[in-house]
Protein backbone atom coordinates (compact mmCIF):
# COMPACT_ATOMS: atom_id res chain seq x y z
CA MET A 1 -32.07 98.44 241.28
CA SER A 2 -30.43 100.92 243.49
CA PRO A 3 -28.31 103.67 241.92
CA ALA A 4 -25.21 102.31 243.70
CA ILE A 5 -25.59 98.88 242.06
CA VAL A 6 -26.13 100.46 238.62
CA ALA A 7 -22.99 102.56 239.16
CA GLU A 8 -20.97 99.49 240.17
CA ILE A 9 -22.14 97.57 237.11
CA GLY A 10 -21.25 100.54 234.92
CA ILE A 11 -17.77 100.73 236.43
CA LEU A 12 -17.24 96.98 235.92
CA VAL A 13 -18.36 97.25 232.29
CA LEU A 14 -15.96 100.15 231.68
CA MET A 15 -13.10 98.29 233.37
CA SER A 16 -13.70 95.24 231.20
CA PHE A 17 -13.19 97.40 228.09
CA GLY A 18 -9.81 98.44 229.47
CA CYS A 19 -8.80 94.79 229.74
CA ALA A 20 -9.81 93.90 226.21
CA THR A 21 -6.95 93.16 223.85
CA VAL A 22 -6.68 92.91 220.14
CA ALA A 23 -4.46 90.16 218.80
CA THR A 24 -1.66 91.72 216.80
CA SER A 25 1.60 90.38 215.58
CA ASN A 26 4.77 92.44 215.69
CA ALA A 27 6.71 89.67 213.99
CA PRO A 28 8.06 90.66 210.59
CA THR A 29 6.30 89.08 207.66
CA GLN A 30 8.29 86.34 206.03
CA PRO A 31 8.35 86.35 202.24
CA SER A 32 7.44 83.04 200.70
CA VAL A 33 10.57 82.97 198.53
CA SER A 34 14.14 82.48 199.75
CA MET A 35 16.68 84.65 197.94
CA ALA A 36 19.66 83.56 200.08
CA GLY A 37 22.51 81.68 198.50
CA GLU A 38 24.86 81.81 195.57
CA TRP A 39 23.48 82.37 192.09
CA THR A 40 25.52 82.10 188.89
CA GLY A 41 24.74 82.60 185.24
CA VAL A 42 25.11 84.90 182.30
CA ALA A 43 24.40 88.57 181.67
CA THR A 44 23.22 88.99 178.08
CA VAL A 45 24.25 92.63 178.21
CA GLY A 46 26.23 94.49 180.87
CA PRO A 47 24.64 97.27 182.94
CA THR A 48 24.77 100.88 181.81
CA LEU A 49 25.38 103.48 184.49
CA PRO A 50 24.35 107.13 184.11
CA CYS A 51 27.71 108.44 182.90
CA HIS A 52 29.35 108.88 179.52
CA GLU A 53 30.61 105.51 178.23
CA CYS A 54 29.87 103.59 181.44
CA PHE A 55 28.98 100.17 180.07
CA GLY A 56 29.45 96.75 181.58
CA ARG A 57 30.04 93.71 179.41
CA ALA A 58 28.05 90.57 178.79
CA GLY A 59 29.40 87.40 180.39
CA GLN A 60 29.53 85.26 183.51
CA VAL A 61 27.88 86.65 186.66
CA ARG A 62 28.03 85.63 190.32
CA LEU A 63 25.43 86.90 192.81
CA VAL A 64 25.70 86.03 196.52
CA LEU A 65 22.73 86.98 198.69
CA GLU A 66 21.88 86.91 202.39
CA GLN A 67 18.33 87.28 203.63
CA ASN A 68 16.92 88.29 207.01
CA GLY A 69 13.12 88.37 206.77
CA GLU A 70 12.36 90.77 203.93
CA ALA A 71 15.85 92.38 203.93
CA VAL A 72 18.16 91.08 201.21
CA THR A 73 21.83 92.10 200.92
CA GLY A 74 24.69 90.77 198.89
CA THR A 75 27.32 91.18 196.20
CA LEU A 76 27.17 91.06 192.42
CA ILE A 77 30.29 90.33 190.37
CA GLY A 78 30.31 90.40 186.58
CA PRO A 79 32.73 91.16 183.76
CA ASN A 80 34.00 94.70 184.27
CA TYR A 81 31.54 95.49 187.12
CA ARG A 82 30.73 94.66 190.72
CA GLY A 83 28.19 95.89 193.20
CA THR A 84 26.55 95.76 196.61
CA ILE A 85 22.87 94.76 196.67
CA ASN A 86 20.30 96.17 199.11
CA ALA A 87 16.79 94.95 198.39
CA LYS A 88 13.48 93.80 199.79
CA ALA A 89 12.18 90.28 199.23
CA THR A 90 8.70 90.00 197.79
CA GLU A 91 6.38 87.04 197.38
CA LYS A 92 8.09 85.99 194.12
CA GLY A 93 11.47 87.75 194.09
CA MET A 94 12.99 91.06 195.15
CA HIS A 95 13.41 94.72 194.24
CA GLY A 96 15.90 97.31 195.42
CA SER A 97 19.19 98.83 194.37
CA CYS A 98 22.80 98.03 193.58
CA MET A 99 25.68 100.37 194.30
CA CYS A 100 27.55 99.26 191.19
CA THR A 101 31.08 100.10 190.13
CA LEU A 102 32.17 99.79 186.51
CA ARG A 103 35.84 99.40 185.62
CA GLY A 104 36.64 99.93 189.29
CA VAL A 105 36.24 103.68 188.87
CA VAL A 106 32.67 104.98 188.68
CA SER A 107 29.95 104.02 191.21
CA TYR A 108 26.24 104.64 190.90
CA SER A 109 23.10 103.36 192.59
CA VAL A 110 20.94 101.59 190.02
CA PRO A 111 17.69 99.62 190.37
CA VAL A 112 17.60 95.82 190.65
CA GLU A 113 14.67 93.45 190.19
CA ALA A 114 14.46 89.68 190.40
CA SER A 115 11.87 86.96 190.07
CA ILE A 116 12.39 83.33 191.03
CA ALA A 117 10.87 80.17 189.63
CA GLY A 118 12.29 77.10 191.40
CA SER A 119 16.09 77.29 191.16
CA ASP A 120 16.08 79.88 188.37
CA MET A 121 16.25 83.66 188.74
CA ALA A 122 15.53 86.34 186.16
CA PHE A 123 17.66 89.23 187.46
CA SER A 124 18.08 92.74 186.13
CA VAL A 125 20.42 95.50 187.23
CA SER A 126 19.98 98.80 185.40
CA ASN A 127 19.38 97.63 181.81
CA ALA A 128 21.30 94.34 182.14
CA ALA A 129 19.25 91.17 181.90
CA MET A 130 20.66 88.09 183.61
CA THR A 131 19.58 84.48 183.82
CA LEU A 132 20.90 82.94 187.03
CA ARG A 133 20.65 79.53 188.71
CA ARG A 134 21.04 78.77 192.41
CA THR A 135 24.24 76.80 192.99
CA PRO A 136 24.02 73.82 195.34
């Protein structure tokens, strides 16, 4: 083979590498669980915030969540406390934080965790344990 033909083949081979693509997906991953909706139930103990005598009370709880991919936002309303939820959905629930206000005076960011089994949610905010059910 002549050197010119070898050079042309080499150039074509190099150009073909430049055209190669790798299949990638920029689409956000969708968690397998849907957190969106209204959840109601009971807190067995109210959340404690990191201040002197900042305690919530046990009682009825309402949690309303919106979900966009992995991002979960919403509101939490319980006896003597309320909060704004910012979390990330996982395969079986979510984790994140709540900017919670007790007695309408003191606000703190506290951790939240949740796991879902069917229409039931085990939800915790700070040290408060809650059993919630999705409302139709």
